[in-house]
Amino acid sequence: MLTKRVKTAVIKTAARHPQDSGSADVQVALLSRQIDELTGHLKKNPKDFHSRRGLLQMVADRRSHLRYLEKNDKRRYSALIKKLGLKK
């Protein structure tokens, strides 16, 4: 789970304007950070199947947001992929 400080830092890096907190860019950045944290948790706790299911749901959600961005604004999509270090 992300702390409030970490969440606001992630939002600031991905926001398109100062009040942006819900664009696809921000949602993908937040999901990526949560996925990274949950992956570390699952490496320590390999039998935590409930968290594994949550991780798979987050990955699917991130994929759908990325698909939306790719379809509607390719420039924003490629910039976000480069900024977050995700590969296609």
Protein backbone atom coordinates (compact mmCIF):
# COMPACT_ATOMS: atom_id res chain seq x y z
CA MET A 1 0.00 0.00 0.00
CA LEU A 2 1.33 3.40 -0.95
CA THR A 3 1.77 6.08 1.69
CA LYS A 4 0.26 9.48 1.11
CA ARG A 5 3.68 11.05 0.57
CA VAL A 6 4.68 8.47 -2.05
CA LYS A 7 1.33 8.76 -3.78
CA THR A 8 1.55 12.56 -4.07
CA ALA A 9 5.11 12.29 -5.39
CA VAL A 10 4.01 9.83 -8.08
CA ILE A 11 1.06 12.05 -9.01
CA LYS A 12 3.35 15.09 -9.34
CA THR A 13 5.68 13.26 -11.71
CA ALA A 14 2.91 12.02 -14.01
CA ALA A 15 0.37 14.86 -13.80
CA ARG A 16 -0.45 16.79 -16.94
CA HIS A 17 -1.46 19.93 -15.01
CA PRO A 18 -1.30 20.95 -11.31
CA GLN A 19 -4.80 19.69 -10.39
CA ASP A 20 -4.51 16.46 -12.36
CA SER A 21 -5.13 13.41 -10.19
CA GLY A 22 -7.14 11.08 -12.38
CA SER A 23 -5.86 11.10 -15.94
CA ALA A 24 -4.79 7.87 -17.55
CA ASP A 25 -1.15 8.94 -17.17
CA VAL A 26 -1.47 9.33 -13.41
CA GLN A 27 -3.44 6.12 -13.03
CA VAL A 28 -0.82 4.13 -14.94
CA ALA A 29 1.97 5.66 -12.85
CA LEU A 30 0.19 4.82 -9.58
CA LEU A 31 -0.61 1.30 -10.70
CA SER A 32 2.99 0.77 -11.77
CA ARG A 33 4.25 1.85 -8.36
CA GLN A 34 1.73 -0.40 -6.57
CA ILE A 35 2.68 -3.31 -8.84
CA ASP A 36 6.35 -2.83 -7.98
CA GLU A 37 5.63 -2.84 -4.24
CA LEU A 38 3.34 -5.85 -4.44
CA THR A 39 5.88 -7.76 -6.50
CA GLY A 40 8.43 -7.30 -3.73
CA HIS A 41 5.88 -8.50 -1.17
CA LEU A 42 5.13 -11.60 -3.21
CA LYS A 43 8.82 -12.47 -3.50
CA LYS A 44 8.97 -12.60 0.31
CA ASN A 45 5.57 -14.32 0.66
CA PRO A 46 5.13 -16.71 -2.26
CA LYS A 47 2.00 -18.38 -0.83
CA ASP A 48 -0.02 -15.16 -0.54
CA PHE A 49 -2.52 -16.02 -3.24
CA HIS A 50 -4.98 -13.25 -2.38
CA SER A 51 -2.33 -10.60 -3.02
CA ARG A 52 -1.32 -12.40 -6.21
CA ARG A 53 -4.90 -12.08 -7.46
CA GLY A 54 -4.88 -8.37 -6.64
CA LEU A 55 -1.60 -8.00 -8.51
CA LEU A 56 -3.06 -9.65 -11.60
CA GLN A 57 -6.06 -7.31 -11.45
CA MET A 58 -3.75 -4.28 -11.22
CA VAL A 59 -1.71 -5.48 -14.18
CA ALA A 60 -4.88 -5.94 -16.24
CA ASP A 61 -6.12 -2.49 -15.23
CA ARG A 62 -2.80 -0.88 -16.16
CA ARG A 63 -2.83 -2.70 -19.49
CA SER A 64 -6.31 -1.38 -20.30
CA HIS A 65 -5.29 2.20 -19.43
CA LEU A 66 -2.19 1.87 -21.60
CA ARG A 67 -4.27 0.47 -24.46
CA TYR A 68 -6.61 3.48 -24.14
CA LEU A 69 -3.67 5.90 -24.26
CA GLU A 70 -2.09 4.14 -27.21
CA LYS A 71 -5.35 4.30 -29.14
CA ASN A 72 -6.16 7.95 -28.39
CA ASP A 73 -2.82 9.74 -28.00
CA LYS A 74 0.29 7.93 -29.20
CA ARG A 75 2.64 10.75 -28.22
CA ARG A 76 1.50 10.72 -24.58
CA TYR A 77 1.64 6.92 -24.60
CA SER A 78 5.22 6.75 -25.80
CA ALA A 79 6.33 9.51 -23.41
CA LEU A 80 4.71 7.70 -20.46
CA ILE A 81 6.27 4.37 -21.41
CA LYS A 82 9.69 6.01 -21.59
CA LYS A 83 9.21 7.92 -18.30
CA LEU A 84 8.07 4.84 -16.34
CA GLY A 85 10.57 2.47 -17.93
CA LEU A 86 7.91 0.11 -19.22
CA LYS A 87 8.64 -1.77 -22.39
CA LYS A 88 6.21 -2.70 -25.09
